[in-house]
Amino acid sequence: MLAVHFARQAAEHARHALRIAWNVAILSDTARYYPDVAYRRIWNAIPDSMRSSSAVRSFGRFIHRRTCARQVRRPVDSTFHTFFLRNAPHFEVLRRRVLEWPRGSALRIAAIGCSSGAELYTTIWTVRRVRPDLQVSATGVDIDAPALEKARTGVFARHEHEFSRLPEEEFTRLCTPAPVALFNRDERSLRISDDILSVPSWVLYDALDPGLRHAIGQQDMVLANNILCHMYDPEAEQCLRNIAGLIAPGGYLFMYGVDLDVKTRVVKSLGLVPVRDTIEEVYRADWNALAKWPFLYWGREPFDGKRSDWETRYAAVYQKPV
C-alpha cells in the first residue's frame, strides 16, 4: 500500500511538471505567473529572524519592483478610502508643530485627495483642541464628487469604512465635548460638530493639474497621505511637485503612502527638510502597508535605520525652508 501511495504521488508530480512545461512551451498566460508563485514561496519560507538582513531586503526590493511594474494601480476615485485618526503618531507630530505656531495667527491647511474628509476633519479637531486662538482655514481637494459631497455633509455612521480602524476608546474621545468634540452623536448617525463643520471648504480639482496652486493658494500645512502610491511613478512625481508647490515658506508637508524612491528624489530636489520627530514610530504605525510588502504595489518596505538617507526616505513630515 505504501508503494502504491508513493507511486500515485510521483505520478501527480509528473503531471504537474508536464503542465508547467507545456504552459511555458506555448507561452500561455498562466506561465507568466510562475515566477511570482516561486518568489512568494521563497519569501514566505524565510524566517522572520532573517528578514532584516541586507540580502533578504534586497530580494524583497526586487520582488516589489517587479510587483510595481506588473500590478494595475487602483483608481484614486474608486472608493472612500480614508479613516479618522488613521495614524495617531502622525497626528501627534502635527500637534507639536501646531503648538509652535505664533499666537493668534492664521493657519492654512489643505488636504489633497481628501476623500470623504475624515483626515481633514481630524486635523481641524486636533488644532482646535490645543490652539483655539488660531485663525484656521482649511481646504479639501479631491477628484471624486460623491466623496466631496459626503465630506460636505459631515454625516457618518459608526459602521462605515472611515471608522474601521478606530478603537472604541479613541472613538469615545472624539465624541467628548471637552475641550471640543469632533462629533455630535445621536442614535442613528454621527455628525461633525458645527464648530468644525463650518471650517473647511471642498474643491473638486485634479492634483495633477499644474494650476493647483492657483486654485487653492499657498498653505501652511499640506496633507497628502495615501494617494500618490496609487499613481504610476511619472504621475506621482508630477503630482508631488504640484503639491509641494502649495507649501508656504516655513510650512509643512505631511505625507506617507508614496513610492519611497519617488519621494526621496523629489524632496531632495526641492530642498524640503525632513522633520526628525518620531520618524520610525510614524513609519511603523502604517502597519497594514508594511504587512503587504513586497507583494502589493502600495506595500511599504521595512524600516532600515542603517541607510545613509533614512531620515529623508522614511520621514512623513517635511518643512519648506524660509
Protein backbone atom coordinates (compact mmCIF):
# COMPACT_ATOMS: atom_id res chain seq x y z
CA MET A 1 0.00 0.00 0.00
CA LEU A 2 2.83 2.40 0.82
CA ALA A 3 4.44 1.75 -2.55
CA VAL A 4 1.13 2.49 -4.29
CA HIS A 5 0.80 5.76 -2.34
CA PHE A 6 4.28 6.94 -3.36
CA ALA A 7 3.64 5.89 -6.95
CA ARG A 8 0.47 7.98 -7.08
CA GLN A 9 2.31 10.97 -5.61
CA ALA A 10 5.10 10.61 -8.15
CA ALA A 11 2.57 10.41 -10.97
CA GLU A 12 0.81 13.56 -9.75
CA HIS A 13 4.10 15.46 -9.51
CA ALA A 14 4.99 14.31 -13.02
CA ARG A 15 1.65 15.52 -14.40
CA HIS A 16 2.12 18.85 -12.64
CA ALA A 17 5.62 19.22 -14.09
CA LEU A 18 4.31 18.40 -17.57
CA ARG A 19 1.58 21.05 -17.24
CA ILE A 20 4.19 23.64 -16.26
CA ALA A 21 6.48 22.62 -19.13
CA TRP A 22 3.60 22.78 -21.61
CA ASN A 23 2.43 26.22 -20.43
CA VAL A 24 5.97 27.54 -20.71
CA ALA A 25 6.46 25.98 -24.15
CA ILE A 26 3.31 27.60 -25.59
CA LEU A 27 3.86 30.88 -23.72
CA SER A 28 0.45 30.66 -22.10
CA ASP A 29 -0.94 33.42 -19.85
CA THR A 30 -0.64 31.04 -16.92
CA ALA A 31 3.13 30.65 -17.36
CA ARG A 32 3.87 34.32 -16.70
CA TYR A 33 2.66 33.88 -13.13
CA TYR A 34 5.05 31.03 -12.31
CA PRO A 35 7.93 33.29 -11.21
CA ASP A 36 5.59 35.20 -8.87
CA VAL A 37 4.43 31.95 -7.29
CA ALA A 38 8.05 30.85 -6.83
CA TYR A 39 9.10 34.20 -5.32
CA ARG A 40 6.19 34.15 -2.91
CA ARG A 41 7.02 30.62 -1.74
CA ILE A 42 10.67 31.52 -1.24
CA TRP A 43 9.77 34.72 0.61
CA ASN A 44 7.27 33.01 2.90
CA ALA A 45 9.87 30.35 3.73
CA ILE A 46 12.38 32.93 5.02
CA PRO A 47 12.36 33.02 8.85
CA ASP A 48 11.41 36.34 10.49
CA SER A 49 14.83 36.39 12.16
CA MET A 50 16.46 36.76 8.73
CA ARG A 51 14.12 39.38 7.25
CA SER A 52 16.29 42.29 8.40
CA SER A 53 19.45 41.05 6.64
CA SER A 54 20.69 43.09 3.69
CA ALA A 55 20.42 40.13 1.30
CA VAL A 56 16.78 39.46 2.20
CA ARG A 57 15.92 43.18 2.00
CA SER A 58 17.47 43.30 -1.47
CA PHE A 59 15.43 40.27 -2.51
CA GLY A 60 12.29 41.92 -1.15
CA ARG A 61 13.01 45.13 -3.08
CA PHE A 62 13.49 43.06 -6.24
CA ILE A 63 10.09 41.42 -5.73
CA HIS A 64 8.46 44.78 -5.00
CA ARG A 65 9.94 46.41 -8.11
CA ARG A 66 8.52 43.51 -10.13
CA THR A 67 5.19 43.92 -8.35
CA CYS A 68 5.04 47.65 -9.11
CA ALA A 69 5.85 47.02 -12.77
CA ARG A 70 3.10 44.42 -13.20
CA GLN A 71 0.18 45.41 -10.97
CA VAL A 72 -2.50 47.80 -12.18
CA ARG A 73 -2.97 50.82 -9.93
CA ARG A 74 -6.33 51.23 -8.23
CA PRO A 75 -8.18 54.32 -9.48
CA VAL A 76 -7.82 57.03 -6.84
CA ASP A 77 -11.51 57.92 -7.13
CA SER A 78 -12.78 54.35 -6.80
CA THR A 79 -13.86 54.40 -3.15
CA PHE A 80 -13.98 56.41 0.05
CA HIS A 81 -10.66 55.22 1.39
CA THR A 82 -9.84 57.30 4.43
CA PHE A 83 -10.02 56.92 8.19
CA PHE A 84 -10.46 59.01 11.31
CA LEU A 85 -7.19 59.11 13.29
CA ARG A 86 -5.57 56.81 10.74
CA ASN A 87 -2.01 57.27 12.02
CA ALA A 88 -2.04 58.55 15.60
CA PRO A 89 1.75 59.23 15.82
CA HIS A 90 1.48 61.29 12.63
CA PHE A 91 -1.19 63.46 14.23
CA GLU A 92 0.99 63.83 17.31
CA VAL A 93 3.76 65.30 15.14
CA LEU A 94 1.19 67.68 13.66
CA ARG A 95 0.01 68.66 17.13
CA ARG A 96 3.57 69.55 18.15
CA ARG A 97 4.01 71.71 15.06
CA VAL A 98 0.73 73.49 15.83
CA LEU A 99 1.85 74.22 19.39
CA GLU A 100 4.79 76.16 17.94
CA TRP A 101 2.61 78.34 15.71
CA PRO A 102 2.55 82.11 16.52
CA ARG A 103 -0.27 83.02 18.88
CA GLY A 104 -3.45 84.35 17.27
CA SER A 105 -2.10 83.94 13.74
CA ALA A 106 -3.65 82.37 10.66
CA LEU A 107 -3.11 78.69 9.91
CA ARG A 108 -3.95 77.49 6.39
CA ILE A 109 -4.43 73.74 5.94
CA ALA A 110 -5.11 71.71 2.80
CA ALA A 111 -5.79 68.00 2.37
CA ILE A 112 -5.05 66.71 -1.12
CA GLY A 113 -7.00 63.60 -2.03
CA CYS A 114 -9.24 64.29 0.97
CA SER A 115 -11.89 61.69 0.02
CA SER A 116 -14.83 61.91 2.46
CA GLY A 117 -12.98 64.32 4.74
CA ALA A 118 -12.10 62.14 7.72
CA GLU A 119 -8.44 63.16 7.83
CA LEU A 120 -9.07 66.88 7.34
CA TYR A 121 -11.80 66.93 10.00
CA THR A 122 -9.47 65.09 12.39
CA THR A 123 -6.75 67.67 11.67
CA ILE A 124 -9.06 70.62 12.39
CA TRP A 125 -10.21 68.92 15.60
CA THR A 126 -6.57 68.37 16.64
CA VAL A 127 -5.76 72.05 16.08
CA ARG A 128 -8.86 73.30 17.89
CA ARG A 129 -8.12 71.14 20.93
CA VAL A 130 -4.67 72.64 21.56
CA ARG A 131 -4.78 76.06 19.87
CA PRO A 132 -8.26 77.60 19.87
CA ASP A 133 -6.63 81.03 19.37
CA LEU A 134 -5.53 80.25 15.80
CA GLN A 135 -7.49 81.50 12.79
CA VAL A 136 -7.85 78.23 10.90
CA SER A 137 -8.85 77.92 7.27
CA ALA A 138 -8.98 74.52 5.60
CA THR A 139 -9.47 73.17 2.09
CA GLY A 140 -10.17 69.62 0.98
CA VAL A 141 -9.31 68.72 -2.62
CA ASP A 142 -10.38 65.60 -4.49
CA ILE A 143 -11.41 64.46 -7.97
CA ASP A 144 -14.32 62.38 -6.64
CA ALA A 145 -17.54 64.44 -6.46
CA PRO A 146 -19.53 61.90 -4.34
CA ALA A 147 -16.69 61.76 -1.81
CA LEU A 148 -16.65 65.56 -1.55
CA GLU A 149 -20.41 65.64 -1.13
CA LYS A 150 -20.16 63.24 1.79
CA ALA A 151 -17.38 65.36 3.27
CA ARG A 152 -19.51 68.48 2.88
CA THR A 153 -22.46 66.98 4.77
CA GLY A 154 -20.25 65.72 7.59
CA VAL A 155 -22.60 62.85 8.44
CA PHE A 156 -21.22 59.36 9.14
CA ALA A 157 -22.30 56.06 10.68
CA ARG A 158 -20.25 54.08 13.17
CA HIS A 159 -20.17 51.01 10.90
CA GLU A 160 -18.75 52.89 7.92
CA HIS A 161 -15.29 52.42 6.48
CA GLU A 162 -13.89 55.63 7.97
CA PHE A 163 -14.15 54.12 11.49
CA SER A 164 -12.94 50.61 10.67
CA ARG A 165 -9.52 51.09 12.29
CA LEU A 166 -10.61 53.27 15.20
CA PRO A 167 -10.52 51.65 18.68
CA GLU A 168 -13.56 52.26 20.85
CA GLU A 169 -11.63 54.37 23.37
CA GLU A 170 -10.44 56.68 20.60
CA PHE A 171 -13.95 56.89 19.21
CA THR A 172 -15.23 57.93 22.64
CA ARG A 173 -12.55 60.64 22.83
CA LEU A 174 -13.69 62.08 19.50
CA CYS A 175 -17.20 62.44 20.90
CA THR A 176 -16.13 64.03 24.20
CA PRO A 177 -17.11 67.72 24.31
CA ALA A 178 -14.20 68.90 26.48
CA PRO A 179 -12.32 70.79 25.17
CA VAL A 180 -14.02 70.26 21.81
CA ALA A 181 -15.91 67.34 20.26
CA LEU A 182 -15.38 66.20 16.72
CA PHE A 183 -18.84 64.60 16.56
CA ASN A 184 -22.35 65.22 17.75
CA ARG A 185 -23.81 61.77 18.28
CA ASP A 186 -27.38 60.50 18.09
CA GLU A 187 -28.92 57.06 17.82
CA ARG A 188 -28.63 56.79 14.05
CA SER A 189 -25.64 58.85 12.94
CA LEU A 190 -22.58 60.88 13.79
CA ARG A 191 -22.45 64.48 12.59
CA ILE A 192 -19.34 66.63 12.62
CA SER A 193 -19.84 69.32 15.27
CA ASP A 194 -20.90 72.70 13.93
CA ASP A 195 -17.72 74.49 15.05
CA ILE A 196 -15.61 72.13 12.96
CA LEU A 197 -18.05 71.54 10.10
CA SER A 198 -18.06 75.25 9.29
CA VAL A 199 -14.28 75.48 8.81
CA PRO A 200 -13.35 73.60 5.60
CA SER A 201 -14.25 74.30 2.01
CA TRP A 202 -14.30 71.46 -0.51
CA VAL A 203 -12.85 71.78 -4.02
CA LEU A 204 -13.30 69.41 -6.95
CA TYR A 205 -9.89 69.52 -8.61
CA ASP A 206 -7.21 67.26 -10.05
CA ALA A 207 -3.94 67.47 -8.10
CA LEU A 208 -2.08 66.59 -11.31
CA ASP A 209 -3.20 69.88 -12.83
CA PRO A 210 -0.38 72.47 -12.76
CA GLY A 211 -2.98 75.07 -11.78
CA LEU A 212 -3.45 73.54 -8.32
CA ARG A 213 -1.64 76.36 -6.51
CA HIS A 214 -3.69 78.98 -8.34
CA ALA A 215 -6.88 77.07 -7.46
CA ILE A 216 -6.41 76.95 -3.68
CA GLY A 217 -3.44 79.22 -2.89
CA GLN A 218 -0.43 78.74 -0.63
CA GLN A 219 -0.84 76.67 2.52
CA ASP A 220 0.94 76.38 5.86
CA MET A 221 0.24 72.66 6.25
CA VAL A 222 -0.47 70.29 3.38
CA LEU A 223 -1.69 66.71 3.88
CA ALA A 224 -1.13 64.24 1.03
CA ASN A 225 -1.43 60.78 2.51
CA ASN A 226 -2.03 57.51 0.65
CA ILE A 227 -2.88 59.00 -2.73
CA LEU A 228 0.44 59.07 -4.61
CA CYS A 229 1.01 55.34 -4.18
CA HIS A 230 -1.96 54.70 -6.49
CA MET A 231 -0.26 56.56 -9.35
CA TYR A 232 2.47 55.30 -11.64
CA ASP A 233 5.85 56.86 -10.86
CA PRO A 234 5.87 59.64 -13.52
CA GLU A 235 2.38 60.81 -12.47
CA ALA A 236 3.25 60.52 -8.77
CA GLU A 237 6.35 62.66 -9.24
CA GLN A 238 4.45 65.31 -11.19
CA CYS A 239 1.67 65.34 -8.60
CA LEU A 240 4.10 65.55 -5.69
CA ARG A 241 5.83 68.54 -7.26
CA ASN A 242 2.43 70.23 -7.70
CA ILE A 243 1.55 69.53 -4.08
CA ALA A 244 4.92 70.74 -2.79
CA GLY A 245 4.33 73.98 -4.70
CA LEU A 246 1.47 74.73 -2.31
CA ILE A 247 3.69 74.96 0.76
CA ALA A 248 4.42 78.43 2.05
CA PRO A 249 7.98 79.14 3.30
CA GLY A 250 8.26 77.65 6.78
CA GLY A 251 5.27 75.42 6.13
CA TYR A 252 4.97 71.65 6.34
CA LEU A 253 4.13 68.73 4.06
CA PHE A 254 2.59 65.71 5.82
CA MET A 255 2.96 62.75 3.50
CA TYR A 256 3.08 58.97 3.57
CA GLY A 257 1.80 56.30 1.21
CA VAL A 258 4.08 57.16 -1.71
CA ASP A 259 6.82 55.27 -3.53
CA LEU A 260 9.91 55.87 -1.42
CA ASP A 261 12.27 56.34 -4.36
CA VAL A 262 9.95 58.93 -5.92
CA LYS A 263 9.54 60.74 -2.62
CA THR A 264 13.26 60.78 -1.83
CA ARG A 265 14.14 62.08 -5.28
CA VAL A 266 11.56 64.88 -5.20
CA VAL A 267 12.06 66.15 -1.66
CA LYS A 268 15.83 66.27 -2.18
CA SER A 269 15.48 68.18 -5.45
CA LEU A 270 13.11 70.69 -3.83
CA GLY A 271 15.22 71.14 -0.70
CA LEU A 272 12.48 70.02 1.70
CA VAL A 273 13.84 69.18 5.14
CA PRO A 274 12.64 66.04 6.97
CA VAL A 275 11.23 66.69 10.43
CA ARG A 276 13.20 64.40 12.76
CA ASP A 277 10.34 63.80 15.15
CA THR A 278 9.48 60.13 15.83
CA ILE A 279 10.21 59.17 12.22
CA GLU A 280 10.37 55.46 12.95
CA GLU A 281 7.25 55.45 15.13
CA VAL A 282 5.16 57.19 12.47
CA TYR A 283 6.50 54.90 9.75
CA ARG A 284 5.79 51.71 11.69
CA ALA A 285 2.28 52.89 12.58
CA ASP A 286 1.18 52.20 9.00
CA TRP A 287 1.16 48.50 9.83
CA ASN A 288 -1.19 47.45 7.03
CA ALA A 289 1.11 48.75 4.28
CA LEU A 290 4.13 47.17 5.96
CA ALA A 291 2.36 43.81 6.09
CA LYS A 292 1.54 43.90 2.37
CA TRP A 293 5.12 44.43 1.17
CA PRO A 294 6.55 43.18 -1.19
CA PHE A 295 3.53 41.64 -2.95
CA LEU A 296 1.28 44.69 -3.33
CA TYR A 297 2.39 47.86 -5.09
CA TRP A 298 1.28 50.04 -2.17
CA GLY A 299 3.14 47.94 0.39
CA ARG A 300 5.92 49.65 2.34
CA GLU A 301 9.40 48.23 2.82
CA PRO A 302 10.62 47.50 6.37
CA PHE A 303 12.25 50.42 8.17
CA ASP A 304 16.02 50.41 7.70
CA GLY A 305 17.81 52.82 10.02
CA LYS A 306 21.21 51.76 8.62
CA ARG A 307 20.64 53.60 5.35
CA SER A 308 22.57 56.85 4.98
CA ASP A 309 19.41 58.56 3.71
CA TRP A 310 16.99 57.01 6.20
CA GLU A 311 15.66 60.30 7.55
CA THR A 312 14.74 61.61 4.11
CA ARG A 313 13.45 58.25 2.91
CA TYR A 314 11.26 57.32 5.87
CA ALA A 315 10.11 60.68 7.24
CA ALA A 316 6.43 61.51 6.89
CA VAL A 317 6.72 65.26 7.58
CA TYR A 318 8.89 67.77 5.70
CA GLN A 319 9.39 71.50 6.13
CA LYS A 320 9.97 74.05 3.41
CA PRO A 321 12.86 76.35 4.44
CA VAL A 322 12.03 80.01 4.97
